[in-house]
Amino acid sequence: MNLKGSLPALILETLARGSSHGYEIASVIKLKSEGVLDFKEGTLYPALHTLERDGMVQSHTELENGRTRRYYQLTDKGTKHLEKSKLEWQKMSSAISGVLGGTV
């Protein structure tokens, strides 16, 4: 199944809980999906960069355990986009459920 289009919404939802760095974002998504969604750096970071370019998230660096980490946080624009994405997902998942498992 192609979940690439849903990755931005998953990232935004994770960041709605607070500022986070890429590895932590990927770990939360993997944990909450019980290991089903396991996005690697080659997928996650381009999505984060696109979200930042589009004004959905902003980033800053912090020194953590002697390492510089880039932390991302949700912007107002990102919050609005997340709400829109959630509504679209609910509508789409309901429609798919109706076709795959519904009765007519």
PDB file of N, CA and C in Angstrom:
ATOM      1  N   MET A   1       0.835  -1.176   0.000  1.00  0.00           N
ATOM      2  CA  MET A   1       0.000   0.000   0.000  1.00  0.00           C
ATOM      3  C   MET A   1       0.882   1.242   0.000  1.00  0.00           C
ATOM      4  N   ASN A   2       0.521   2.242  -0.750  1.00  0.00           N
ATOM      5  CA  ASN A   2       1.296   3.481  -0.821  1.00  0.00           C
ATOM      6  C   ASN A   2       0.844   4.439   0.276  1.00  0.00           C
ATOM      7  N   LEU A   3       1.688   4.600   1.281  1.00  0.00           N
ATOM      8  CA  LEU A   3       1.362   5.497   2.380  1.00  0.00           C
ATOM      9  C   LEU A   3       2.150   6.794   2.308  1.00  0.00           C
ATOM     10  N   LYS A   4       2.896   6.983   1.219  1.00  0.00           N
ATOM     11  CA  LYS A   4       3.733   8.167   1.099  1.00  0.00           C
ATOM     12  C   LYS A   4       2.920   9.451   1.261  1.00  0.00           C
ATOM     13  N   GLY A   5       1.748   9.494   0.699  1.00  0.00           N
ATOM     14  CA  GLY A   5       0.908  10.682   0.790  1.00  0.00           C
ATOM     15  C   GLY A   5       0.395  10.959   2.191  1.00  0.00           C
ATOM     16  N   SER A   6       0.405   9.950   3.063  1.00  0.00           N
ATOM     17  CA  SER A   6      -0.070  10.146   4.427  1.00  0.00           C
ATOM     18  C   SER A   6       1.044  10.525   5.396  1.00  0.00           C
ATOM     19  N   LEU A   7       2.286  10.425   4.977  1.00  0.00           N
ATOM     20  CA  LEU A   7       3.405  10.724   5.864  1.00  0.00           C
ATOM     21  C   LEU A   7       3.374  12.152   6.405  1.00  0.00           C
ATOM     22  N   PRO A   8       3.100  13.165   5.595  1.00  0.00           N
ATOM     23  CA  PRO A   8       3.039  14.518   6.163  1.00  0.00           C
ATOM     24  C   PRO A   8       2.029  14.640   7.302  1.00  0.00           C
ATOM     25  N   ALA A   9       0.861  14.041   7.158  1.00  0.00           N
ATOM     26  CA  ALA A   9      -0.142  14.100   8.219  1.00  0.00           C
ATOM     27  C   ALA A   9       0.341  13.371   9.468  1.00  0.00           C
ATOM     28  N   LEU A  10       1.027  12.247   9.294  1.00  0.00           N
ATOM     29  CA  LEU A  10       1.561  11.509  10.435  1.00  0.00           C
ATOM     30  C   LEU A  10       2.616  12.327  11.176  1.00  0.00           C
ATOM     31  N   ILE A  11       3.459  13.010  10.421  1.00  0.00           N
ATOM     32  CA  ILE A  11       4.480  13.871  11.020  1.00  0.00           C
ATOM     33  C   ILE A  11       3.820  15.020  11.771  1.00  0.00           C
ATOM     34  N   LEU A  12       2.865  15.682  11.135  1.00  0.00           N
ATOM     35  CA  LEU A  12       2.190  16.813  11.776  1.00  0.00           C
ATOM     36  C   LEU A  12       1.474  16.371  13.046  1.00  0.00           C
ATOM     37  N   GLU A  13       0.834  15.225  13.011  1.00  0.00           N
ATOM     38  CA  GLU A  13       0.138  14.710  14.205  1.00  0.00           C
ATOM     39  C   GLU A  13       1.142  14.451  15.326  1.00  0.00           C
ATOM     40  N   THR A  14       2.283  13.899  14.996  1.00  0.00           N
ATOM     41  CA  THR A  14       3.318  13.646  15.997  1.00  0.00           C
ATOM     42  C   THR A  14       3.812  14.959  16.596  1.00  0.00           C
ATOM     43  N   LEU A  15       4.006  15.963  15.753  1.00  0.00           N
ATOM     44  CA  LEU A  15       4.490  17.257  16.229  1.00  0.00           C
ATOM     45  C   LEU A  15       3.419  18.042  16.982  1.00  0.00           C
ATOM     46  N   ALA A  16       2.162  17.683  16.811  1.00  0.00           N
ATOM     47  CA  ALA A  16       1.088  18.347  17.564  1.00  0.00           C
ATOM     48  C   ALA A  16       1.248  18.084  19.056  1.00  0.00           C
ATOM     49  N   ARG A  17       1.983  17.049  19.405  1.00  0.00           N
ATOM     50  CA  ARG A  17       2.235  16.704  20.806  1.00  0.00           C
ATOM     51  C   ARG A  17       3.448  17.442  21.367  1.00  0.00           C
ATOM     52  N   GLY A  18       4.210  18.113  20.489  1.00  0.00           N
ATOM     53  CA  GLY A  18       5.372  18.878  20.944  1.00  0.00           C
ATOM     54  C   GLY A  18       6.541  18.755  19.985  1.00  0.00           C
ATOM     55  N   SER A  19       7.501  19.638  20.153  1.00  0.00           N
ATOM     56  CA  SER A  19       8.710  19.692  19.339  1.00  0.00           C
ATOM     57  C   SER A  19       9.457  18.364  19.416  1.00  0.00           C
ATOM     58  N   SER A  20      10.061  17.957  18.281  1.00  0.00           N
ATOM     59  CA  SER A  20      10.730  16.666  18.238  1.00  0.00           C
ATOM     60  C   SER A  20      11.757  16.647  17.111  1.00  0.00           C
ATOM     61  N   HIS A  21      12.737  15.755  17.235  1.00  0.00           N
ATOM     62  CA  HIS A  21      13.714  15.579  16.153  1.00  0.00           C
ATOM     63  C   HIS A  21      13.303  14.390  15.289  1.00  0.00           C
ATOM     64  N   GLY A  22      13.914  14.276  14.129  1.00  0.00           N
ATOM     65  CA  GLY A  22      13.508  13.284  13.139  1.00  0.00           C
ATOM     66  C   GLY A  22      13.463  11.861  13.634  1.00  0.00           C
ATOM     67  N   TYR A  23      14.519  11.425  14.317  1.00  0.00           N
ATOM     68  CA  TYR A  23      14.548  10.046  14.803  1.00  0.00           C
ATOM     69  C   TYR A  23      13.397   9.788  15.771  1.00  0.00           C
ATOM     70  N   GLU A  24      13.134  10.760  16.624  1.00  0.00           N
ATOM     71  CA  GLU A  24      12.043  10.607  17.587  1.00  0.00           C
ATOM     72  C   GLU A  24      10.679  10.569  16.882  1.00  0.00           C
ATOM     73  N   ILE A  25      10.509  11.396  15.860  1.00  0.00           N
ATOM     74  CA  ILE A  25       9.261  11.389  15.092  1.00  0.00           C
ATOM     75  C   ILE A  25       9.033  10.008  14.484  1.00  0.00           C
ATOM     76  N   ALA A  26      10.073   9.467  13.841  1.00  0.00           N
ATOM     77  CA  ALA A  26       9.967   8.140  13.226  1.00  0.00           C
ATOM     78  C   ALA A  26       9.667   7.075  14.280  1.00  0.00           C
ATOM     79  N   SER A  27      10.298   7.181  15.447  1.00  0.00           N
ATOM     80  CA  SER A  27      10.092   6.202  16.523  1.00  0.00           C
ATOM     81  C   SER A  27       8.668   6.239  17.054  1.00  0.00           C
ATOM     82  N   VAL A  28       8.117   7.436  17.214  1.00  0.00           N
ATOM     83  CA  VAL A  28       6.741   7.570  17.713  1.00  0.00           C
ATOM     84  C   VAL A  28       5.756   6.972  16.704  1.00  0.00           C
ATOM     85  N   ILE A  29       5.956   7.280  15.427  1.00  0.00           N
ATOM     86  CA  ILE A  29       5.068   6.738  14.392  1.00  0.00           C
ATOM     87  C   ILE A  29       5.139   5.210  14.389  1.00  0.00           C
ATOM     88  N   LYS A  30       6.345   4.675  14.474  1.00  0.00           N
ATOM     89  CA  LYS A  30       6.519   3.216  14.483  1.00  0.00           C
ATOM     90  C   LYS A  30       5.850   2.607  15.713  1.00  0.00           C
ATOM     91  N   LEU A  31       6.055   3.216  16.873  1.00  0.00           N
ATOM     92  CA  LEU A  31       5.475   2.704  18.111  1.00  0.00           C
ATOM     93  C   LEU A  31       3.949   2.745  18.073  1.00  0.00           C
ATOM     94  N   LYS A  32       3.384   3.884  17.673  1.00  0.00           N
ATOM     95  CA  LYS A  32       1.928   4.034  17.661  1.00  0.00           C
ATOM     96  C   LYS A  32       1.268   3.133  16.611  1.00  0.00           C
ATOM     97  N   SER A  33       2.019   2.778  15.571  1.00  0.00           N
ATOM     98  CA  SER A  33       1.467   1.889  14.540  1.00  0.00           C
ATOM     99  C   SER A  33       1.817   0.433  14.798  1.00  0.00           C
ATOM    100  N   GLU A  34       2.363   0.166  15.990  1.00  0.00           N
ATOM    101  CA  GLU A  34       2.763  -1.185  16.372  1.00  0.00           C
ATOM    102  C   GLU A  34       3.724  -1.801  15.358  1.00  0.00           C
ATOM    103  N   GLY A  35       4.638  -0.962  14.851  1.00  0.00           N
ATOM    104  CA  GLY A  35       5.684  -1.434  13.958  1.00  0.00           C
ATOM    105  C   GLY A  35       5.308  -1.512  12.490  1.00  0.00           C
ATOM    106  N   VAL A  36       4.060  -1.255  12.169  1.00  0.00           N
ATOM    107  CA  VAL A  36       3.614  -1.360  10.776  1.00  0.00           C
ATOM    108  C   VAL A  36       4.215  -0.233   9.930  1.00  0.00           C
ATOM    109  N   LEU A  37       4.245   0.965  10.477  1.00  0.00           N
ATOM    110  CA  LEU A  37       4.780   2.120   9.759  1.00  0.00           C
ATOM    111  C   LEU A  37       6.187   2.410  10.260  1.00  0.00           C
ATOM    112  N   ASP A  38       7.167   2.091   9.441  1.00  0.00           N
ATOM    113  CA  ASP A  38       8.571   2.233   9.824  1.00  0.00           C
ATOM    114  C   ASP A  38       9.280   3.043   8.738  1.00  0.00           C
ATOM    115  N   PHE A  39       9.202   4.363   8.856  1.00  0.00           N
ATOM    116  CA  PHE A  39       9.778   5.233   7.836  1.00  0.00           C
ATOM    117  C   PHE A  39      11.258   5.446   8.082  1.00  0.00           C
ATOM    118  N   LYS A  40      12.045   5.286   7.067  1.00  0.00           N
ATOM    119  CA  LYS A  40      13.492   5.453   7.147  1.00  0.00           C
ATOM    120  C   LYS A  40      13.865   6.896   6.813  1.00  0.00           C
ATOM    121  N   GLU A  41      15.130   7.230   7.074  1.00  0.00           N
ATOM    122  CA  GLU A  41      15.622   8.594   6.852  1.00  0.00           C
ATOM    123  C   GLU A  41      15.363   9.094   5.433  1.00  0.00           C
ATOM    124  N   GLY A  42      15.532   8.218   4.457  1.00  0.00           N
ATOM    125  CA  GLY A  42      15.368   8.601   3.061  1.00  0.00           C
ATOM    126  C   GLY A  42      13.950   9.012   2.711  1.00  0.00           C
ATOM    127  N   THR A  43      12.997   8.644   3.530  1.00  0.00           N
ATOM    128  CA  THR A  43      11.603   9.022   3.337  1.00  0.00           C
ATOM    129  C   THR A  43      11.212  10.149   4.281  1.00  0.00           C
ATOM    130  N   LEU A  44      11.631  10.037   5.538  1.00  0.00           N
ATOM    131  CA  LEU A  44      11.212  10.977   6.566  1.00  0.00           C
ATOM    132  C   LEU A  44      11.774  12.381   6.359  1.00  0.00           C
ATOM    133  N   TYR A  45      13.071  12.489   6.158  1.00  0.00           N
ATOM    134  CA  TYR A  45      13.676  13.821   6.095  1.00  0.00           C
ATOM    135  C   TYR A  45      13.251  14.640   4.881  1.00  0.00           C
ATOM    136  N   PRO A  46      13.109  14.044   3.709  1.00  0.00           N
ATOM    137  CA  PRO A  46      12.566  14.846   2.601  1.00  0.00           C
ATOM    138  C   PRO A  46      11.160  15.377   2.908  1.00  0.00           C
ATOM    139  N   ALA A  47      10.343  14.570   3.594  1.00  0.00           N
ATOM    140  CA  ALA A  47       8.998  15.026   3.966  1.00  0.00           C
ATOM    141  C   ALA A  47       9.080  16.170   4.970  1.00  0.00           C
ATOM    142  N   LEU A  48       9.978  16.069   5.945  1.00  0.00           N
ATOM    143  CA  LEU A  48      10.171  17.154   6.913  1.00  0.00           C
ATOM    144  C   LEU A  48      10.637  18.434   6.218  1.00  0.00           C
ATOM    145  N   HIS A  49      11.563  18.303   5.289  1.00  0.00           N
ATOM    146  CA  HIS A  49      12.069  19.475   4.564  1.00  0.00           C
ATOM    147  C   HIS A  49      10.974  20.135   3.732  1.00  0.00           C
ATOM    148  N   THR A  50      10.130  19.321   3.119  1.00  0.00           N
ATOM    149  CA  THR A  50       9.008  19.861   2.344  1.00  0.00           C
ATOM    150  C   THR A  50       8.021  20.578   3.259  1.00  0.00           C
ATOM    151  N   LEU A  51       7.717  19.980   4.403  1.00  0.00           N
ATOM    152  CA  LEU A  51       6.807  20.620   5.357  1.00  0.00           C
ATOM    153  C   LEU A  51       7.382  21.947   5.857  1.00  0.00           C
ATOM    154  N   GLU A  52       8.689  21.978   6.050  1.00  0.00           N
ATOM    155  CA  GLU A  52       9.321  23.222   6.494  1.00  0.00           C
ATOM    156  C   GLU A  52       9.289  24.268   5.379  1.00  0.00           C
ATOM    157  N   ARG A  53       9.601  23.850   4.181  1.00  0.00           N
ATOM    158  CA  ARG A  53       9.566  24.763   3.032  1.00  0.00           C
ATOM    159  C   ARG A  53       8.173  25.350   2.834  1.00  0.00           C
ATOM    160  N   ASP A  54       7.154  24.537   3.095  1.00  0.00           N
ATOM    161  CA  ASP A  54       5.770  24.960   2.897  1.00  0.00           C
ATOM    162  C   ASP A  54       5.190  25.700   4.105  1.00  0.00           C
ATOM    163  N   GLY A  55       6.015  25.898   5.131  1.00  0.00           N
ATOM    164  CA  GLY A  55       5.577  26.663   6.298  1.00  0.00           C
ATOM    165  C   GLY A  55       4.718  25.898   7.289  1.00  0.00           C
ATOM    166  N   MET A  56       4.681  24.583   7.171  1.00  0.00           N
ATOM    167  CA  MET A  56       3.869  23.767   8.089  1.00  0.00           C
ATOM    168  C   MET A  56       4.606  23.488   9.402  1.00  0.00           C
ATOM    169  N   VAL A  57       5.932  23.428   9.317  1.00  0.00           N
ATOM    170  CA  VAL A  57       6.767  23.241  10.502  1.00  0.00           C
ATOM    171  C   VAL A  57       7.921  24.231  10.434  1.00  0.00           C
ATOM    172  N   GLN A  58       8.511  24.475  11.573  1.00  0.00           N
ATOM    173  CA  GLN A  58       9.738  25.258  11.620  1.00  0.00           C
ATOM    174  C   GLN A  58      10.748  24.462  12.435  1.00  0.00           C
ATOM    175  N   SER A  59      12.018  24.746  12.228  1.00  0.00           N
ATOM    176  CA  SER A  59      13.027  23.963  12.923  1.00  0.00           C
ATOM    177  C   SER A  59      14.039  24.857  13.621  1.00  0.00           C
ATOM    178  N   HIS A  60      14.704  24.260  14.570  1.00  0.00           N
ATOM    179  CA  HIS A  60      15.812  24.902  15.258  1.00  0.00           C
ATOM    180  C   HIS A  60      16.767  23.794  15.701  1.00  0.00           C
ATOM    181  N   THR A  61      18.010  24.166  15.968  1.00  0.00           N
ATOM    182  CA  THR A  61      18.978  23.171  16.411  1.00  0.00           C
ATOM    183  C   THR A  61      19.224  23.314  17.904  1.00  0.00           C
ATOM    184  N   GLU A  62      19.520  22.185  18.522  1.00  0.00           N
ATOM    185  CA  GLU A  62      19.861  22.128  19.942  1.00  0.00           C
ATOM    186  C   GLU A  62      21.010  21.155  20.113  1.00  0.00           C
ATOM    187  N   LEU A  63      21.838  21.445  21.083  1.00  0.00           N
ATOM    188  CA  LEU A  63      22.920  20.541  21.437  1.00  0.00           C
ATOM    189  C   LEU A  63      22.390  19.531  22.453  1.00  0.00           C
ATOM    190  N   GLU A  64      22.539  18.251  22.128  1.00  0.00           N
ATOM    191  CA  GLU A  64      22.027  17.186  22.995  1.00  0.00           C
ATOM    192  C   GLU A  64      23.080  16.091  23.078  1.00  0.00           C
ATOM    193  N   ASN A  65      23.585  15.849  24.265  1.00  0.00           N
ATOM    194  CA  ASN A  65      24.618  14.831  24.477  1.00  0.00           C
ATOM    195  C   ASN A  65      25.809  15.024  23.536  1.00  0.00           C
ATOM    196  N   GLY A  66      26.221  16.270  23.373  1.00  0.00           N
ATOM    197  CA  GLY A  66      27.368  16.571  22.514  1.00  0.00           C
ATOM    198  C   GLY A  66      27.077  16.547  21.023  1.00  0.00           C
ATOM    199  N   ARG A  67      25.835  16.334  20.659  1.00  0.00           N
ATOM    200  CA  ARG A  67      25.421  16.283  19.242  1.00  0.00           C
ATOM    201  C   ARG A  67      24.454  17.404  18.951  1.00  0.00           C
ATOM    202  N   THR A  68      24.561  17.940  17.762  1.00  0.00           N
ATOM    203  CA  THR A  68      23.586  18.936  17.337  1.00  0.00           C
ATOM    204  C   THR A  68      22.418  18.212  16.683  1.00  0.00           C
ATOM    205  N   ARG A  69      21.234  18.470  17.200  1.00  0.00           N
ATOM    206  CA  ARG A  69      20.014  17.867  16.639  1.00  0.00           C
ATOM    207  C   ARG A  69      19.102  18.970  16.128  1.00  0.00           C
ATOM    208  N   ARG A  70      18.411  18.673  15.048  1.00  0.00           N
ATOM    209  CA  ARG A  70      17.433  19.614  14.500  1.00  0.00           C
ATOM    210  C   ARG A  70      16.058  19.198  15.015  1.00  0.00           C
ATOM    211  N   TYR A  71      15.427  20.107  15.715  1.00  0.00           N
ATOM    212  CA  TYR A  71      14.087  19.881  16.246  1.00  0.00           C
ATOM    213  C   TYR A  71      13.063  20.599  15.378  1.00  0.00           C
ATOM    214  N   TYR A  72      11.943  19.955  15.186  1.00  0.00           N
ATOM    215  CA  TYR A  72      10.860  20.507  14.372  1.00  0.00           C
ATOM    216  C   TYR A  72       9.659  20.776  15.268  1.00  0.00           C
ATOM    217  N   GLN A  73       8.939  21.838  14.937  1.00  0.00           N
ATOM    218  CA  GLN A  73       7.701  22.122  15.662  1.00  0.00           C
ATOM    219  C   GLN A  73       6.646  22.601  14.686  1.00  0.00           C
ATOM    220  N   LEU A  74       5.421  22.342  15.051  1.00  0.00           N
ATOM    221  CA  LEU A  74       4.259  22.679  14.244  1.00  0.00           C
ATOM    222  C   LEU A  74       4.039  24.192  14.230  1.00  0.00           C
ATOM    223  N   THR A  75       3.662  24.725  13.085  1.00  0.00           N
ATOM    224  CA  THR A  75       3.279  26.133  12.977  1.00  0.00           C
ATOM    225  C   THR A  75       1.750  26.214  12.949  1.00  0.00           C
ATOM    226  N   ASP A  76       1.229  27.424  13.001  1.00  0.00           N
ATOM    227  CA  ASP A  76      -0.230  27.593  12.893  1.00  0.00           C
ATOM    228  C   ASP A  76      -0.737  27.039  11.564  1.00  0.00           C
ATOM    229  N   LYS A  77       0.013  27.292  10.507  1.00  0.00           N
ATOM    230  CA  LYS A  77      -0.368  26.774   9.191  1.00  0.00           C
ATOM    231  C   LYS A  77      -0.380  25.243   9.209  1.00  0.00           C
ATOM    232  N   GLY A  78       0.591  24.645   9.878  1.00  0.00           N
ATOM    233  CA  GLY A  78       0.651  23.192   9.991  1.00  0.00           C
ATOM    234  C   GLY A  78      -0.512  22.634  10.773  1.00  0.00           C
ATOM    235  N   THR A  79      -0.912  23.336  11.823  1.00  0.00           N
ATOM    236  CA  THR A  79      -2.059  22.899  12.634  1.00  0.00           C
ATOM    237  C   THR A  79      -3.334  22.898  11.796  1.00  0.00           C
ATOM    238  N   LYS A  80      -3.530  23.940  11.013  1.00  0.00           N
ATOM    239  CA  LYS A  80      -4.711  24.013  10.149  1.00  0.00           C
ATOM    240  C   LYS A  80      -4.685  22.905   9.100  1.00  0.00           C
ATOM    241  N   HIS A  81      -3.510  22.674   8.532  1.00  0.00           N
ATOM    242  CA  HIS A  81      -3.375  21.629   7.521  1.00  0.00           C
ATOM    243  C   HIS A  81      -3.637  20.247   8.136  1.00  0.00           C
ATOM    244  N   LEU A  82      -3.177  20.037   9.359  1.00  0.00           N
ATOM    245  CA  LEU A  82      -3.401  18.769  10.045  1.00  0.00           C
ATOM    246  C   LEU A  82      -4.889  18.512  10.234  1.00  0.00           C
ATOM    247  N   GLU A  83      -5.625  19.506  10.667  1.00  0.00           N
ATOM    248  CA  GLU A  83      -7.070  19.341  10.862  1.00  0.00           C
ATOM    249  C   GLU A  83      -7.762  18.992   9.547  1.00  0.00           C
ATOM    250  N   LYS A  84      -7.366  19.662   8.480  1.00  0.00           N
ATOM    251  CA  LYS A  84      -7.923  19.370   7.156  1.00  0.00           C
ATOM    252  C   LYS A  84      -7.574  17.935   6.732  1.00  0.00           C
ATOM    253  N   SER A  85      -6.321  17.536   6.971  1.00  0.00           N
ATOM    254  CA  SER A  85      -5.883  16.183   6.618  1.00  0.00           C
ATOM    255  C   SER A  85      -6.640  15.116   7.390  1.00  0.00           C
ATOM    256  N   LYS A  86      -6.909  15.375   8.661  1.00  0.00           N
ATOM    257  CA  LYS A  86      -7.660  14.416   9.474  1.00  0.00           C
ATOM    258  C   LYS A  86      -9.068  14.220   8.931  1.00  0.00           C
ATOM    259  N   LEU A  87      -9.717  15.307   8.550  1.00  0.00           N
ATOM    260  CA  LEU A  87     -11.064  15.204   7.983  1.00  0.00           C
ATOM    261  C   LEU A  87     -11.052  14.426   6.673  1.00  0.00           C
ATOM    262  N   GLU A  88     -10.055  14.714   5.817  1.00  0.00           N
ATOM    263  CA  GLU A  88      -9.932  14.001   4.543  1.00  0.00           C
ATOM    264  C   GLU A  88      -9.680  12.517   4.786  1.00  0.00           C
ATOM    265  N   TRP A  89      -8.819  12.197   5.763  1.00  0.00           N
ATOM    266  CA  TRP A  89      -8.512  10.799   6.067  1.00  0.00           C
ATOM    267  C   TRP A  89      -9.756  10.069   6.570  1.00  0.00           C
ATOM    268  N   GLN A  90     -10.518  10.701   7.442  1.00  0.00           N
ATOM    269  CA  GLN A  90     -11.739  10.074   7.964  1.00  0.00           C
ATOM    270  C   GLN A  90     -12.720   9.779   6.830  1.00  0.00           C
ATOM    271  N   LYS A  91     -12.872  10.727   5.937  1.00  0.00           N
ATOM    272  CA  LYS A  91     -13.780  10.541   4.805  1.00  0.00           C
ATOM    273  C   LYS A  91     -13.282   9.411   3.893  1.00  0.00           C
ATOM    274  N   MET A  92     -11.979   9.421   3.589  1.00  0.00           N
ATOM    275  CA  MET A  92     -11.409   8.409   2.698  1.00  0.00           C
ATOM    276  C   MET A  92     -11.442   7.024   3.337  1.00  0.00           C
ATOM    277  N   SER A  93     -11.061   6.929   4.607  1.00  0.00           N
ATOM    278  CA  SER A  93     -11.037   5.603   5.250  1.00  0.00           C
ATOM    279  C   SER A  93     -12.453   5.048   5.393  1.00  0.00           C
ATOM    280  N   SER A  94     -13.414   5.897   5.629  1.00  0.00           N
ATOM    281  CA  SER A  94     -14.802   5.455   5.700  1.00  0.00           C
ATOM    282  C   SER A  94     -15.264   4.929   4.340  1.00  0.00           C
ATOM    283  N   ALA A  95     -14.904   5.640   3.283  1.00  0.00           N
ATOM    284  CA  ALA A  95     -15.291   5.207   1.936  1.00  0.00           C
ATOM    285  C   ALA A  95     -14.636   3.862   1.569  1.00  0.00           C
ATOM    286  N   ILE A  96     -13.372   3.724   1.893  1.00  0.00           N
ATOM    287  CA  ILE A  96     -12.656   2.474   1.588  1.00  0.00           C
ATOM    288  C   ILE A  96     -13.252   1.322   2.393  1.00  0.00           C
ATOM    289  N   SER A  97     -13.532   1.565   3.676  1.00  0.00           N
ATOM    290  CA  SER A  97     -14.159   0.542   4.507  1.00  0.00           C
ATOM    291  C   SER A  97     -15.501   0.119   3.942  1.00  0.00           C
ATOM    292  N   GLY A  98     -16.245   1.089   3.421  1.00  0.00           N
ATOM    293  CA  GLY A  98     -17.534   0.784   2.823  1.00  0.00           C
ATOM    294  C   GLY A  98     -17.406  -0.128   1.615  1.00  0.00           C
ATOM    295  N   VAL A  99     -16.365   0.089   0.823  1.00  0.00           N
ATOM    296  CA  VAL A  99     -16.185  -0.724  -0.378  1.00  0.00           C
ATOM    297  C   VAL A  99     -15.615  -2.088  -0.019  1.00  0.00           C
ATOM    298  N   LEU A 100     -14.608  -2.119   0.845  1.00  0.00           N
ATOM    299  CA  LEU A 100     -13.940  -3.391   1.144  1.00  0.00           C
ATOM    300  C   LEU A 100     -14.684  -4.269   2.146  1.00  0.00           C
ATOM    301  N   GLY A 101     -15.414  -3.654   3.064  1.00  0.00           N
ATOM    302  CA  GLY A 101     -16.019  -4.480   4.086  1.00  0.00           C
ATOM    303  C   GLY A 101     -17.484  -4.186   4.333  1.00  0.00           C
ATOM    304  N   GLY A 102     -17.998  -3.253   3.598  1.00  0.00           N
ATOM    305  CA  GLY A 102     -19.373  -2.861   3.837  1.00  0.00           C
ATOM    306  C   GLY A 102     -20.385  -3.772   3.174  1.00  0.00           C
ATOM    307  N   THR A 103     -21.586  -3.598   3.580  1.00  0.00           N
ATOM    308  CA  THR A 103     -22.688  -4.344   2.967  1.00  0.00           C
ATOM    309  C   THR A 103     -23.534  -3.371   2.164  1.00  0.00           C
ATOM    310  N   VAL A 104     -24.037  -3.868   1.078  1.00  0.00           N
ATOM    311  CA  VAL A 104     -24.860  -3.036   0.193  1.00  0.00           C
ATOM    312  C   VAL A 104     -26.229  -3.657   0.036  1.00  0.00           C
TER     313      VAL A 104
END
